[in-house]
């Protein structure tokens, strides 16, 4: 039979262990709080390269593969404004969730006068 005796932890070791545990928990709490606040704004270079989806879009609930065709007639589709309110986060555009599926098409802005040949 082997009998082992554990060496007792002295006050210095106990203080170090408690300090490490407290520091670890504090660091964990700081990371969780930072993630809960939503992080920081996008860097300017990323913001400049991003494609904004603001503006008017045509929308129709459902899922029909034919709607992916660029020749689809979407004039009867609902028009929605995808511009988010100032200070809102992703997904906060105020649309009710009635269907998990839907198709969206951008309404292009037309500039110039038709029939003038200007490009």
C-alpha atoms as a PDB file:
ATOM      1  CA  UNK A   1       0.000   0.000   0.000  1.00  0.00           C
ATOM      2  CA  UNK A   2       1.322   3.387  -1.026  1.00  0.00           C
ATOM      3  CA  UNK A   3       0.463   6.305   1.163  1.00  0.00           C
ATOM      4  CA  UNK A   4       0.961   9.745  -0.270  1.00  0.00           C
ATOM      5  CA  UNK A   5       0.765  12.914   1.649  1.00  0.00           C
ATOM      6  CA  UNK A   6      -0.192  16.128  -0.060  1.00  0.00           C
ATOM      7  CA  UNK A   7       1.844  19.123   0.753  1.00  0.00           C
ATOM      8  CA  UNK A   8      -0.262  21.810   2.336  1.00  0.00           C
ATOM      9  CA  UNK A   9      -0.769  25.107   0.508  1.00  0.00           C
ATOM     10  CA  UNK A  10       0.790  27.953   2.392  1.00  0.00           C
ATOM     11  CA  UNK A  11      -0.673  31.467   2.607  1.00  0.00           C
ATOM     12  CA  UNK A  12       1.472  32.817  -0.261  1.00  0.00           C
ATOM     13  CA  UNK A  13       0.371  30.082  -2.664  1.00  0.00           C
ATOM     14  CA  UNK A  14      -3.258  30.503  -1.624  1.00  0.00           C
ATOM     15  CA  UNK A  15      -3.043  34.277  -2.255  1.00  0.00           C
ATOM     16  CA  UNK A  16      -1.560  33.680  -5.721  1.00  0.00           C
ATOM     17  CA  UNK A  17      -4.260  31.145  -6.653  1.00  0.00           C
ATOM     18  CA  UNK A  18      -7.047  33.457  -5.481  1.00  0.00           C
ATOM     19  CA  UNK A  19      -5.459  36.360  -7.407  1.00  0.00           C
ATOM     20  CA  UNK A  20      -5.242  34.299 -10.607  1.00  0.00           C
ATOM     21  CA  UNK A  21      -8.877  33.180 -10.280  1.00  0.00           C
ATOM     22  CA  UNK A  22     -10.081  36.745  -9.637  1.00  0.00           C
ATOM     23  CA  UNK A  23      -8.041  38.132 -12.555  1.00  0.00           C
ATOM     24  CA  UNK A  24      -9.384  35.408 -14.874  1.00  0.00           C
ATOM     25  CA  UNK A  25     -12.995  36.079 -13.870  1.00  0.00           C
ATOM     26  CA  UNK A  26     -12.507  39.832 -14.255  1.00  0.00           C
ATOM     27  CA  UNK A  27     -11.012  39.413 -17.727  1.00  0.00           C
ATOM     28  CA  UNK A  28     -13.888  37.105 -18.691  1.00  0.00           C
ATOM     29  CA  UNK A  29     -16.436  39.679 -17.449  1.00  0.00           C
ATOM     30  CA  UNK A  30     -14.733  42.455 -19.469  1.00  0.00           C
ATOM     31  CA  UNK A  31     -14.780  40.368 -22.668  1.00  0.00           C
ATOM     32  CA  UNK A  32     -18.453  39.451 -22.199  1.00  0.00           C
ATOM     33  CA  UNK A  33     -19.384  43.093 -21.514  1.00  0.00           C
ATOM     34  CA  UNK A  34     -17.504  44.256 -24.638  1.00  0.00           C
ATOM     35  CA  UNK A  35     -19.258  41.663 -26.808  1.00  0.00           C
ATOM     36  CA  UNK A  36     -22.642  42.561 -25.309  1.00  0.00           C
ATOM     37  CA  UNK A  37     -22.155  46.235 -26.234  1.00  0.00           C
ATOM     38  CA  UNK A  38     -21.836  45.329 -29.913  1.00  0.00           C
ATOM     39  CA  UNK A  39     -18.179  46.020 -30.428  1.00  0.00           C
ATOM     40  CA  UNK A  40     -16.894  49.091 -32.234  1.00  0.00           C
ATOM     41  CA  UNK A  41     -17.825  50.864 -35.473  1.00  0.00           C
ATOM     42  CA  UNK A  42     -16.468  49.449 -38.706  1.00  0.00           C
ATOM     43  CA  UNK A  43     -13.016  50.697 -39.731  1.00  0.00           C
ATOM     44  CA  UNK A  44     -13.234  53.446 -42.411  1.00  0.00           C
ATOM     45  CA  UNK A  45     -11.573  51.248 -45.066  1.00  0.00           C
ATOM     46  CA  UNK A  46     -14.137  48.488 -44.530  1.00  0.00           C
ATOM     47  CA  UNK A  47     -17.023  50.973 -44.513  1.00  0.00           C
ATOM     48  CA  UNK A  48     -15.804  52.483 -47.816  1.00  0.00           C
ATOM     49  CA  UNK A  49     -15.617  49.050 -49.475  1.00  0.00           C
ATOM     50  CA  UNK A  50     -19.050  47.901 -48.239  1.00  0.00           C
ATOM     51  CA  UNK A  51     -22.082  47.771 -50.490  1.00  0.00           C
ATOM     52  CA  UNK A  52     -24.914  49.649 -48.832  1.00  0.00           C
ATOM     53  CA  UNK A  53     -28.368  48.167 -49.182  1.00  0.00           C
ATOM     54  CA  UNK A  54     -30.131  51.412 -48.241  1.00  0.00           C
ATOM     55  CA  UNK A  55     -32.969  52.709 -50.352  1.00  0.00           C
ATOM     56  CA  UNK A  56     -36.040  51.371 -52.067  1.00  0.00           C
ATOM     57  CA  UNK A  57     -36.294  47.656 -52.813  1.00  0.00           C
ATOM     58  CA  UNK A  58     -39.009  45.507 -54.347  1.00  0.00           C
ATOM     59  CA  UNK A  59     -40.075  42.679 -52.047  1.00  0.00           C
ATOM     60  CA  UNK A  60     -42.243  39.606 -52.320  1.00  0.00           C
ATOM     61  CA  UNK A  61     -42.641  36.855 -49.744  1.00  0.00           C
ATOM     62  CA  UNK A  62     -42.271  33.299 -50.865  1.00  0.00           C
ATOM     63  CA  UNK A  63     -39.654  31.369 -52.762  1.00  0.00           C
ATOM     64  CA  UNK A  64     -39.890  30.842 -56.499  1.00  0.00           C
ATOM     65  CA  UNK A  65     -36.613  30.102 -58.352  1.00  0.00           C
ATOM     66  CA  UNK A  66     -37.949  32.006 -61.369  1.00  0.00           C
ATOM     67  CA  UNK A  67     -37.810  35.236 -59.372  1.00  0.00           C
ATOM     68  CA  UNK A  68     -33.996  35.098 -59.567  1.00  0.00           C
ATOM     69  CA  UNK A  69     -34.231  35.851 -63.285  1.00  0.00           C
ATOM     70  CA  UNK A  70     -33.312  39.477 -63.994  1.00  0.00           C
ATOM     71  CA  UNK A  71     -36.155  39.621 -66.537  1.00  0.00           C
ATOM     72  CA  UNK A  72     -38.768  38.959 -63.832  1.00  0.00           C
ATOM     73  CA  UNK A  73     -41.557  41.539 -63.854  1.00  0.00           C
ATOM     74  CA  UNK A  74     -41.513  42.901 -60.304  1.00  0.00           C
ATOM     75  CA  UNK A  75     -43.780  45.917 -60.831  1.00  0.00           C
ATOM     76  CA  UNK A  76     -46.557  44.364 -58.712  1.00  0.00           C
ATOM     77  CA  UNK A  77     -44.172  43.596 -55.851  1.00  0.00           C
ATOM     78  CA  UNK A  78     -44.315  45.585 -52.612  1.00  0.00           C
ATOM     79  CA  UNK A  79     -41.843  48.467 -52.348  1.00  0.00           C
ATOM     80  CA  UNK A  80     -39.975  48.748 -49.048  1.00  0.00           C
ATOM     81  CA  UNK A  81     -37.337  51.160 -47.815  1.00  0.00           C
ATOM     82  CA  UNK A  82     -34.354  49.221 -46.435  1.00  0.00           C
ATOM     83  CA  UNK A  83     -32.681  52.320 -44.987  1.00  0.00           C
ATOM     84  CA  UNK A  84     -32.070  51.660 -41.304  1.00  0.00           C
ATOM     85  CA  UNK A  85     -32.882  54.319 -38.741  1.00  0.00           C
ATOM     86  CA  UNK A  86     -29.862  56.245 -37.415  1.00  0.00           C
ATOM     87  CA  UNK A  87     -28.206  54.335 -34.587  1.00  0.00           C
ATOM     88  CA  UNK A  88     -29.890  51.044 -35.387  1.00  0.00           C
ATOM     89  CA  UNK A  89     -28.040  47.769 -35.828  1.00  0.00           C
ATOM     90  CA  UNK A  90     -28.190  45.127 -38.540  1.00  0.00           C
ATOM     91  CA  UNK A  91     -31.694  43.861 -39.092  1.00  0.00           C
ATOM     92  CA  UNK A  92     -33.441  46.827 -37.452  1.00  0.00           C
ATOM     93  CA  UNK A  93     -35.268  48.133 -40.515  1.00  0.00           C
ATOM     94  CA  UNK A  94     -38.716  47.772 -39.006  1.00  0.00           C
ATOM     95  CA  UNK A  95     -40.031  44.986 -41.206  1.00  0.00           C
ATOM     96  CA  UNK A  96     -42.396  42.456 -39.670  1.00  0.00           C
ATOM     97  CA  UNK A  97     -41.208  38.887 -39.980  1.00  0.00           C
ATOM     98  CA  UNK A  98     -44.107  37.145 -41.708  1.00  0.00           C
ATOM     99  CA  UNK A  99     -42.151  34.629 -43.746  1.00  0.00           C
ATOM    100  CA  UNK A 100     -38.614  33.319 -43.439  1.00  0.00           C
ATOM    101  CA  UNK A 101     -38.219  33.491 -47.210  1.00  0.00           C
ATOM    102  CA  UNK A 102     -38.530  36.387 -49.586  1.00  0.00           C
ATOM    103  CA  UNK A 103     -37.001  37.947 -52.659  1.00  0.00           C
ATOM    104  CA  UNK A 104     -35.640  41.468 -52.840  1.00  0.00           C
ATOM    105  CA  UNK A 105     -34.713  43.484 -55.919  1.00  0.00           C
ATOM    106  CA  UNK A 106     -33.137  46.908 -55.956  1.00  0.00           C
ATOM    107  CA  UNK A 107     -34.912  49.724 -57.777  1.00  0.00           C
ATOM    108  CA  UNK A 108     -32.169  51.484 -59.729  1.00  0.00           C
ATOM    109  CA  UNK A 109     -32.029  55.254 -59.754  1.00  0.00           C
ATOM    110  CA  UNK A 110     -32.453  56.654 -63.248  1.00  0.00           C
ATOM    111  CA  UNK A 111     -30.642  59.886 -63.944  1.00  0.00           C
ATOM    112  CA  UNK A 112     -30.774  62.055 -67.034  1.00  0.00           C
ATOM    113  CA  UNK A 113     -33.551  62.475 -69.550  1.00  0.00           C
ATOM    114  CA  UNK A 114     -34.844  59.627 -71.655  1.00  0.00           C
ATOM    115  CA  UNK A 115     -34.462  59.941 -75.403  1.00  0.00           C
ATOM    116  CA  UNK A 116     -31.678  62.531 -75.361  1.00  0.00           C
ATOM    117  CA  UNK A 117     -28.920  60.035 -76.068  1.00  0.00           C
ATOM    118  CA  UNK A 118     -27.051  61.223 -72.970  1.00  0.00           C
ATOM    119  CA  UNK A 119     -25.214  58.548 -71.041  1.00  0.00           C
END
